[in-house]
Amino acid sequence: MTQTPAEPRRYRLDAMLSGPPTPVDGSFRTPTREDLPLLGVLMWDAYRGTPDERDAGDGVASAVAEIRLTFDGEYGPFLPEASFVAEEDGRPVAATLVTVWRGTPLLAFVFTASSHTGRGLARRLIRATMGALAQLGYDRLSLAVTEDNARARALYESMGFVQVPA
Protein backbone atom coordinates (compact mmCIF):
# COMPACT_ATOMS: atom_id res chain seq x y z
CA MET A 1 0.00 0.00 0.00
CA THR A 2 1.42 3.38 -0.99
CA GLN A 3 0.92 6.39 1.18
CA THR A 4 -0.21 9.71 -0.20
CA PRO A 5 2.30 12.40 0.73
CA ALA A 6 1.08 14.65 3.50
CA GLU A 7 -0.21 18.06 2.53
CA PRO A 8 2.61 20.55 3.10
CA ARG A 9 2.23 22.68 6.22
CA ARG A 10 1.60 26.31 5.42
CA TYR A 11 1.10 29.40 7.44
CA ARG A 12 -0.10 32.90 6.73
CA LEU A 13 2.13 35.94 6.49
CA ASP A 14 0.93 39.53 6.19
CA ALA A 15 2.73 42.73 5.29
CA MET A 16 1.32 46.14 6.04
CA LEU A 17 1.35 48.56 3.11
CA SER A 18 2.36 51.71 4.94
CA GLY A 19 3.94 54.92 3.77
CA PRO A 20 3.69 56.42 0.32
CA PRO A 21 3.13 53.86 -2.45
CA THR A 22 6.28 52.98 -4.35
CA PRO A 23 6.05 53.48 -8.10
CA VAL A 24 5.45 50.33 -10.11
CA ASP A 25 8.49 49.17 -12.08
CA GLY A 26 7.77 50.16 -15.67
CA SER A 27 9.60 47.12 -17.02
CA PHE A 28 6.82 44.84 -15.72
CA ARG A 29 3.47 44.29 -17.38
CA THR A 30 0.09 42.93 -16.37
CA PRO A 31 -0.55 39.25 -17.16
CA THR A 32 -3.37 38.36 -19.56
CA ARG A 33 -5.21 35.18 -20.46
CA GLU A 34 -3.06 34.95 -23.58
CA ASP A 35 -0.12 34.37 -21.20
CA LEU A 36 -1.64 31.20 -19.69
CA PRO A 37 0.44 28.69 -21.70
CA LEU A 38 3.75 30.46 -21.06
CA LEU A 39 2.91 31.15 -17.41
CA GLY A 40 2.17 27.44 -17.00
CA VAL A 41 5.60 26.56 -18.40
CA LEU A 42 7.16 29.15 -16.08
CA MET A 43 5.26 27.92 -13.01
CA TRP A 44 6.19 24.29 -13.65
CA ASP A 45 9.85 25.22 -14.15
CA ALA A 46 9.89 27.35 -10.99
CA TYR A 47 8.07 24.91 -8.69
CA ARG A 48 9.40 21.56 -9.94
CA GLY A 49 11.64 19.99 -7.28
CA THR A 50 10.69 22.51 -4.58
CA PRO A 51 8.49 22.15 -1.48
CA ASP A 52 5.73 23.84 -3.55
CA GLU A 53 5.78 21.42 -6.49
CA ARG A 54 2.31 20.10 -5.60
CA ASP A 55 0.89 23.58 -6.24
CA ALA A 56 1.87 23.25 -9.91
CA GLY A 57 0.40 19.76 -10.23
CA ASP A 58 2.17 17.09 -12.23
CA GLY A 59 3.32 19.01 -15.29
CA VAL A 60 2.83 22.02 -17.51
CA ALA A 61 -0.81 21.21 -18.33
CA SER A 62 -1.82 21.12 -14.67
CA ALA A 63 0.18 24.31 -13.97
CA VAL A 64 -1.73 26.05 -16.78
CA ALA A 65 -4.98 24.77 -15.26
CA GLU A 66 -3.98 26.12 -11.84
CA ILE A 67 -3.22 29.56 -13.26
CA ARG A 68 -6.50 29.50 -15.18
CA LEU A 69 -8.32 28.81 -11.89
CA THR A 70 -6.57 31.86 -10.41
CA PHE A 71 -7.67 34.05 -13.31
CA ASP A 72 -11.19 32.61 -13.01
CA GLY A 73 -11.52 33.54 -9.32
CA GLU A 74 -11.00 30.20 -7.57
CA TYR A 75 -8.97 32.00 -4.87
CA GLY A 76 -11.05 35.16 -4.90
CA PRO A 77 -11.38 37.75 -7.66
CA PHE A 78 -8.21 38.06 -9.73
CA LEU A 79 -6.56 41.48 -9.39
CA PRO A 80 -4.69 42.05 -12.66
CA GLU A 81 -3.77 45.64 -11.79
CA ALA A 82 -1.60 44.30 -8.91
CA SER A 83 -0.27 41.23 -10.75
CA PHE A 84 2.87 41.46 -12.84
CA VAL A 85 5.07 39.62 -15.32
CA ALA A 86 8.79 40.19 -15.87
CA GLU A 87 10.02 39.27 -19.33
CA GLU A 88 13.29 38.62 -21.07
CA ASP A 89 13.39 38.45 -24.85
CA GLY A 90 9.59 38.52 -24.93
CA ARG A 91 9.14 35.49 -22.66
CA PRO A 92 7.93 35.53 -19.03
CA VAL A 93 10.72 34.79 -16.54
CA ALA A 94 8.93 35.72 -13.30
CA ALA A 95 5.42 36.63 -12.18
CA THR A 96 3.16 37.55 -9.29
CA LEU A 97 -0.55 36.71 -9.36
CA VAL A 98 -2.82 38.47 -6.86
CA THR A 99 -6.42 37.85 -5.86
CA VAL A 100 -8.68 39.31 -3.21
CA TRP A 101 -9.54 36.65 -0.64
CA ARG A 102 -12.18 37.59 1.92
CA GLY A 103 -11.54 41.30 1.35
CA THR A 104 -7.74 41.12 1.64
CA PRO A 105 -5.29 40.97 -1.26
CA LEU A 106 -3.65 37.55 -1.47
CA LEU A 107 -0.34 36.93 -3.19
CA ALA A 108 -1.64 33.70 -4.68
CA PHE A 109 1.52 32.83 -6.65
CA VAL A 110 5.06 34.07 -7.10
CA PHE A 111 7.33 32.21 -9.47
CA THR A 112 10.68 32.79 -11.11
CA ALA A 113 12.31 30.70 -13.84
CA SER A 114 15.02 28.47 -12.43
CA SER A 115 17.47 30.18 -14.80
CA HIS A 116 16.66 33.57 -13.25
CA THR A 117 16.62 32.88 -9.50
CA GLY A 118 18.88 34.94 -7.28
CA ARG A 119 18.56 38.10 -9.42
CA GLY A 120 16.02 39.88 -7.23
CA LEU A 121 13.11 39.50 -9.67
CA ALA A 122 10.69 38.08 -7.10
CA ARG A 123 11.56 40.89 -4.67
CA ARG A 124 11.03 43.55 -7.36
CA LEU A 125 7.75 41.98 -8.48
CA ILE A 126 6.45 41.78 -4.91
CA ARG A 127 7.43 45.43 -4.34
CA ALA A 128 5.56 46.37 -7.53
CA THR A 129 2.54 44.41 -6.28
CA MET A 130 2.69 46.13 -2.90
CA GLY A 131 2.96 49.55 -4.55
CA ALA A 132 0.02 48.87 -6.85
CA LEU A 133 -2.10 47.63 -3.94
CA ALA A 134 -1.29 50.74 -1.90
CA GLN A 135 -2.26 52.91 -4.87
CA LEU A 136 -5.56 51.00 -4.99
CA GLY A 137 -6.18 51.82 -1.32
CA TYR A 138 -5.34 48.47 0.29
CA ASP A 139 -3.41 48.47 3.58
CA ARG A 140 -2.07 44.88 3.67
CA LEU A 141 -0.98 41.94 1.56
CA SER A 142 -1.40 38.33 2.68
CA LEU A 143 0.18 35.10 1.49
CA ALA A 144 0.53 31.47 2.52
CA VAL A 145 4.04 30.09 2.72
CA THR A 146 5.08 26.46 2.86
CA GLU A 147 6.90 25.75 6.10
CA ASP A 148 9.64 23.78 4.30
CA ASN A 149 10.30 26.53 1.74
CA ALA A 150 13.08 28.31 3.64
CA ARG A 151 14.10 30.42 0.65
CA ALA A 152 10.61 31.86 0.18
CA ARG A 153 10.15 32.40 3.93
CA ALA A 154 13.44 34.31 4.11
CA LEU A 155 12.45 36.53 1.18
CA TYR A 156 9.03 37.34 2.62
CA GLU A 157 10.33 38.00 6.12
CA SER A 158 13.05 40.30 4.72
CA MET A 159 10.27 42.29 3.04
CA GLY A 160 8.34 42.85 6.28
CA PHE A 161 5.90 39.95 6.17
CA VAL A 162 5.09 38.56 9.60
CA GLN A 163 3.32 35.38 10.64
CA VAL A 164 -0.34 35.78 11.51
CA PRO A 165 -1.52 33.61 14.44
CA ALA A 166 -3.89 30.85 13.32
C-alpha atoms as a PDB file:
ATOM      1  CA  MET A   1       0.000   0.000   0.000  1.00  0.00           C
ATOM      2  CA  THR A   2       1.421   3.382  -0.990  1.00  0.00           C
ATOM      3  CA  GLN A   3       0.916   6.394   1.175  1.00  0.00           C
ATOM      4  CA  THR A   4      -0.214   9.708  -0.199  1.00  0.00           C
ATOM      5  CA  PRO A   5       2.301  12.395   0.728  1.00  0.00           C
ATOM      6  CA  ALA A   6       1.082  14.646   3.505  1.00  0.00           C
ATOM      7  CA  GLU A   7      -0.207  18.058   2.532  1.00  0.00           C
ATOM      8  CA  PRO A   8       2.611  20.555   3.103  1.00  0.00           C
ATOM      9  CA  ARG A   9       2.229  22.675   6.220  1.00  0.00           C
ATOM     10  CA  ARG A  10       1.596  26.310   5.419  1.00  0.00           C
ATOM     11  CA  TYR A  11       1.098  29.404   7.439  1.00  0.00           C
ATOM     12  CA  ARG A  12      -0.104  32.904   6.729  1.00  0.00           C
ATOM     13  CA  LEU A  13       2.130  35.938   6.494  1.00  0.00           C
ATOM     14  CA  ASP A  14       0.934  39.535   6.193  1.00  0.00           C
ATOM     15  CA  ALA A  15       2.729  42.731   5.290  1.00  0.00           C
ATOM     16  CA  MET A  16       1.322  46.144   6.035  1.00  0.00           C
ATOM     17  CA  LEU A  17       1.353  48.557   3.114  1.00  0.00           C
ATOM     18  CA  SER A  18       2.356  51.712   4.936  1.00  0.00           C
ATOM     19  CA  GLY A  19       3.943  54.920   3.768  1.00  0.00           C
ATOM     20  CA  PRO A  20       3.695  56.416   0.320  1.00  0.00           C
ATOM     21  CA  PRO A  21       3.132  53.864  -2.446  1.00  0.00           C
ATOM     22  CA  THR A  22       6.278  52.983  -4.351  1.00  0.00           C
ATOM     23  CA  PRO A  23       6.047  53.475  -8.101  1.00  0.00           C
ATOM     24  CA  VAL A  24       5.445  50.326 -10.113  1.00  0.00           C
ATOM     25  CA  ASP A  25       8.488  49.166 -12.078  1.00  0.00           C
ATOM     26  CA  GLY A  26       7.775  50.165 -15.675  1.00  0.00           C
ATOM     27  CA  SER A  27       9.599  47.119 -17.016  1.00  0.00           C
ATOM     28  CA  PHE A  28       6.822  44.841 -15.725  1.00  0.00           C
ATOM     29  CA  ARG A  29       3.468  44.291 -17.379  1.00  0.00           C
ATOM     30  CA  THR A  30       0.087  42.932 -16.374  1.00  0.00           C
ATOM     31  CA  PRO A  31      -0.549  39.250 -17.159  1.00  0.00           C
ATOM     32  CA  THR A  32      -3.368  38.365 -19.564  1.00  0.00           C
ATOM     33  CA  ARG A  33      -5.213  35.176 -20.461  1.00  0.00           C
ATOM     34  CA  GLU A  34      -3.062  34.949 -23.581  1.00  0.00           C
ATOM     35  CA  ASP A  35      -0.120  34.372 -21.201  1.00  0.00           C
ATOM     36  CA  LEU A  36      -1.641  31.201 -19.686  1.00  0.00           C
ATOM     37  CA  PRO A  37       0.442  28.688 -21.699  1.00  0.00           C
ATOM     38  CA  LEU A  38       3.752  30.463 -21.056  1.00  0.00           C
ATOM     39  CA  LEU A  39       2.909  31.153 -17.414  1.00  0.00           C
ATOM     40  CA  GLY A  40       2.166  27.441 -16.996  1.00  0.00           C
ATOM     41  CA  VAL A  41       5.598  26.561 -18.396  1.00  0.00           C
ATOM     42  CA  LEU A  42       7.155  29.153 -16.080  1.00  0.00           C
ATOM     43  CA  MET A  43       5.257  27.918 -13.014  1.00  0.00           C
ATOM     44  CA  TRP A  44       6.192  24.289 -13.646  1.00  0.00           C
ATOM     45  CA  ASP A  45       9.853  25.223 -14.153  1.00  0.00           C
ATOM     46  CA  ALA A  46       9.888  27.352 -10.993  1.00  0.00           C
ATOM     47  CA  TYR A  47       8.066  24.907  -8.687  1.00  0.00           C
ATOM     48  CA  ARG A  48       9.398  21.560  -9.937  1.00  0.00           C
ATOM     49  CA  GLY A  49      11.642  19.989  -7.285  1.00  0.00           C
ATOM     50  CA  THR A  50      10.687  22.509  -4.576  1.00  0.00           C
ATOM     51  CA  PRO A  51       8.486  22.147  -1.477  1.00  0.00           C
ATOM     52  CA  ASP A  52       5.725  23.839  -3.549  1.00  0.00           C
ATOM     53  CA  GLU A  53       5.776  21.424  -6.493  1.00  0.00           C
ATOM     54  CA  ARG A  54       2.311  20.095  -5.602  1.00  0.00           C
ATOM     55  CA  ASP A  55       0.886  23.578  -6.242  1.00  0.00           C
ATOM     56  CA  ALA A  56       1.870  23.247  -9.908  1.00  0.00           C
ATOM     57  CA  GLY A  57       0.396  19.763 -10.234  1.00  0.00           C
ATOM     58  CA  ASP A  58       2.166  17.092 -12.230  1.00  0.00           C
ATOM     59  CA  GLY A  59       3.316  19.009 -15.286  1.00  0.00           C
ATOM     60  CA  VAL A  60       2.832  22.016 -17.507  1.00  0.00           C
ATOM     61  CA  ALA A  61      -0.813  21.207 -18.332  1.00  0.00           C
ATOM     62  CA  SER A  62      -1.820  21.123 -14.674  1.00  0.00           C
ATOM     63  CA  ALA A  63       0.182  24.307 -13.974  1.00  0.00           C
ATOM     64  CA  VAL A  64      -1.726  26.051 -16.779  1.00  0.00           C
ATOM     65  CA  ALA A  65      -4.982  24.771 -15.262  1.00  0.00           C
ATOM     66  CA  GLU A  66      -3.975  26.123 -11.837  1.00  0.00           C
ATOM     67  CA  ILE A  67      -3.215  29.557 -13.261  1.00  0.00           C
ATOM     68  CA  ARG A  68      -6.504  29.495 -15.184  1.00  0.00           C
ATOM     69  CA  LEU A  69      -8.317  28.805 -11.888  1.00  0.00           C
ATOM     70  CA  THR A  70      -6.567  31.856 -10.412  1.00  0.00           C
ATOM     71  CA  PHE A  71      -7.672  34.051 -13.312  1.00  0.00           C
ATOM     72  CA  ASP A  72     -11.194  32.609 -13.007  1.00  0.00           C
ATOM     73  CA  GLY A  73     -11.522  33.541  -9.321  1.00  0.00           C
ATOM     74  CA  GLU A  74     -10.997  30.198  -7.571  1.00  0.00           C
ATOM     75  CA  TYR A  75      -8.969  32.002  -4.873  1.00  0.00           C
ATOM     76  CA  GLY A  76     -11.047  35.164  -4.895  1.00  0.00           C
ATOM     77  CA  PRO A  77     -11.383  37.745  -7.663  1.00  0.00           C
ATOM     78  CA  PHE A  78      -8.207  38.059  -9.726  1.00  0.00           C
ATOM     79  CA  LEU A  79      -6.557  41.478  -9.385  1.00  0.00           C
ATOM     80  CA  PRO A  80      -4.689  42.052 -12.664  1.00  0.00           C
ATOM     81  CA  GLU A  81      -3.769  45.638 -11.789  1.00  0.00           C
ATOM     82  CA  ALA A  82      -1.603  44.303  -8.913  1.00  0.00           C
ATOM     83  CA  SER A  83      -0.272  41.229 -10.750  1.00  0.00           C
ATOM     84  CA  PHE A  84       2.875  41.458 -12.840  1.00  0.00           C
ATOM     85  CA  VAL A  85       5.067  39.621 -15.323  1.00  0.00           C
ATOM     86  CA  ALA A  86       8.794  40.188 -15.870  1.00  0.00           C
ATOM     87  CA  GLU A  87      10.018  39.267 -19.327  1.00  0.00           C
ATOM     88  CA  GLU A  88      13.294  38.622 -21.067  1.00  0.00           C
ATOM     89  CA  ASP A  89      13.391  38.447 -24.855  1.00  0.00           C
ATOM     90  CA  GLY A  90       9.585  38.519 -24.930  1.00  0.00           C
ATOM     91  CA  ARG A  91       9.137  35.486 -22.656  1.00  0.00           C
ATOM     92  CA  PRO A  92       7.933  35.527 -19.026  1.00  0.00           C
ATOM     93  CA  VAL A  93      10.724  34.793 -16.539  1.00  0.00           C
ATOM     94  CA  ALA A  94       8.930  35.715 -13.301  1.00  0.00           C
ATOM     95  CA  ALA A  95       5.420  36.632 -12.184  1.00  0.00           C
ATOM     96  CA  THR A  96       3.163  37.547  -9.292  1.00  0.00           C
ATOM     97  CA  LEU A  97      -0.554  36.712  -9.359  1.00  0.00           C
ATOM     98  CA  VAL A  98      -2.815  38.475  -6.857  1.00  0.00           C
ATOM     99  CA  THR A  99      -6.420  37.846  -5.863  1.00  0.00           C
ATOM    100  CA  VAL A 100      -8.681  39.315  -3.208  1.00  0.00           C
ATOM    101  CA  TRP A 101      -9.537  36.650  -0.638  1.00  0.00           C
ATOM    102  CA  ARG A 102     -12.181  37.593   1.921  1.00  0.00           C
ATOM    103  CA  GLY A 103     -11.541  41.296   1.352  1.00  0.00           C
ATOM    104  CA  THR A 104      -7.741  41.124   1.641  1.00  0.00           C
ATOM    105  CA  PRO A 105      -5.285  40.971  -1.260  1.00  0.00           C
ATOM    106  CA  LEU A 106      -3.647  37.549  -1.469  1.00  0.00           C
ATOM    107  CA  LEU A 107      -0.338  36.932  -3.189  1.00  0.00           C
ATOM    108  CA  ALA A 108      -1.639  33.701  -4.681  1.00  0.00           C
ATOM    109  CA  PHE A 109       1.515  32.834  -6.646  1.00  0.00           C
ATOM    110  CA  VAL A 110       5.061  34.074  -7.100  1.00  0.00           C
ATOM    111  CA  PHE A 111       7.326  32.207  -9.465  1.00  0.00           C
ATOM    112  CA  THR A 112      10.685  32.793 -11.107  1.00  0.00           C
ATOM    113  CA  ALA A 113      12.306  30.703 -13.839  1.00  0.00           C
ATOM    114  CA  SER A 114      15.015  28.471 -12.428  1.00  0.00           C
ATOM    115  CA  SER A 115      17.473  30.179 -14.803  1.00  0.00           C
ATOM    116  CA  HIS A 116      16.660  33.571 -13.246  1.00  0.00           C
ATOM    117  CA  THR A 117      16.620  32.884  -9.500  1.00  0.00           C
ATOM    118  CA  GLY A 118      18.878  34.945  -7.282  1.00  0.00           C
ATOM    119  CA  ARG A 119      18.561  38.097  -9.420  1.00  0.00           C
ATOM    120  CA  GLY A 120      16.020  39.879  -7.231  1.00  0.00           C
ATOM    121  CA  LEU A 121      13.114  39.496  -9.666  1.00  0.00           C
ATOM    122  CA  ALA A 122      10.687  38.078  -7.101  1.00  0.00           C
ATOM    123  CA  ARG A 123      11.555  40.892  -4.669  1.00  0.00           C
ATOM    124  CA  ARG A 124      11.031  43.546  -7.361  1.00  0.00           C
ATOM    125  CA  LEU A 125       7.751  41.979  -8.482  1.00  0.00           C
ATOM    126  CA  ILE A 126       6.447  41.784  -4.913  1.00  0.00           C
ATOM    127  CA  ARG A 127       7.433  45.429  -4.342  1.00  0.00           C
ATOM    128  CA  ALA A 128       5.557  46.370  -7.530  1.00  0.00           C
ATOM    129  CA  THR A 129       2.545  44.410  -6.284  1.00  0.00           C
ATOM    130  CA  MET A 130       2.690  46.128  -2.903  1.00  0.00           C
ATOM    131  CA  GLY A 131       2.963  49.546  -4.550  1.00  0.00           C
ATOM    132  CA  ALA A 132       0.020  48.866  -6.853  1.00  0.00           C
ATOM    133  CA  LEU A 133      -2.103  47.633  -3.939  1.00  0.00           C
ATOM    134  CA  ALA A 134      -1.288  50.738  -1.899  1.00  0.00           C
ATOM    135  CA  GLN A 135      -2.262  52.908  -4.866  1.00  0.00           C
ATOM    136  CA  LEU A 136      -5.559  51.001  -4.994  1.00  0.00           C
ATOM    137  CA  GLY A 137      -6.179  51.817  -1.321  1.00  0.00           C
ATOM    138  CA  TYR A 138      -5.335  48.472   0.287  1.00  0.00           C
ATOM    139  CA  ASP A 139      -3.414  48.465   3.576  1.00  0.00           C
ATOM    140  CA  ARG A 140      -2.075  44.882   3.673  1.00  0.00           C
ATOM    141  CA  LEU A 141      -0.978  41.939   1.556  1.00  0.00           C
ATOM    142  CA  SER A 142      -1.403  38.328   2.678  1.00  0.00           C
ATOM    143  CA  LEU A 143       0.180  35.105   1.489  1.00  0.00           C
ATOM    144  CA  ALA A 144       0.530  31.474   2.518  1.00  0.00           C
ATOM    145  CA  VAL A 145       4.041  30.091   2.718  1.00  0.00           C
ATOM    146  CA  THR A 146       5.080  26.462   2.860  1.00  0.00           C
ATOM    147  CA  GLU A 147       6.904  25.749   6.100  1.00  0.00           C
ATOM    148  CA  ASP A 148       9.639  23.780   4.302  1.00  0.00           C
ATOM    149  CA  ASN A 149      10.300  26.534   1.745  1.00  0.00           C
ATOM    150  CA  ALA A 150      13.083  28.309   3.639  1.00  0.00           C
ATOM    151  CA  ARG A 151      14.101  30.422   0.646  1.00  0.00           C
ATOM    152  CA  ALA A 152      10.610  31.860   0.183  1.00  0.00           C
ATOM    153  CA  ARG A 153      10.146  32.400   3.927  1.00  0.00           C
ATOM    154  CA  ALA A 154      13.438  34.307   4.110  1.00  0.00           C
ATOM    155  CA  LEU A 155      12.445  36.526   1.180  1.00  0.00           C
ATOM    156  CA  TYR A 156       9.027  37.338   2.619  1.00  0.00           C
ATOM    157  CA  GLU A 157      10.329  38.004   6.115  1.00  0.00           C
ATOM    158  CA  SER A 158      13.049  40.297   4.725  1.00  0.00           C
ATOM    159  CA  MET A 159      10.273  42.287   3.043  1.00  0.00           C
ATOM    160  CA  GLY A 160       8.344  42.846   6.278  1.00  0.00           C
ATOM    161  CA  PHE A 161       5.903  39.947   6.170  1.00  0.00           C
ATOM    162  CA  VAL A 162       5.087  38.564   9.604  1.00  0.00           C
ATOM    163  CA  GLN A 163       3.319  35.378  10.643  1.00  0.00           C
ATOM    164  CA  VAL A 164      -0.342  35.782  11.507  1.00  0.00           C
ATOM    165  CA  PRO A 165      -1.518  33.608  14.436  1.00  0.00           C
ATOM    166  CA  ALA A 166      -3.886  30.847  13.318  1.00  0.00           C
END
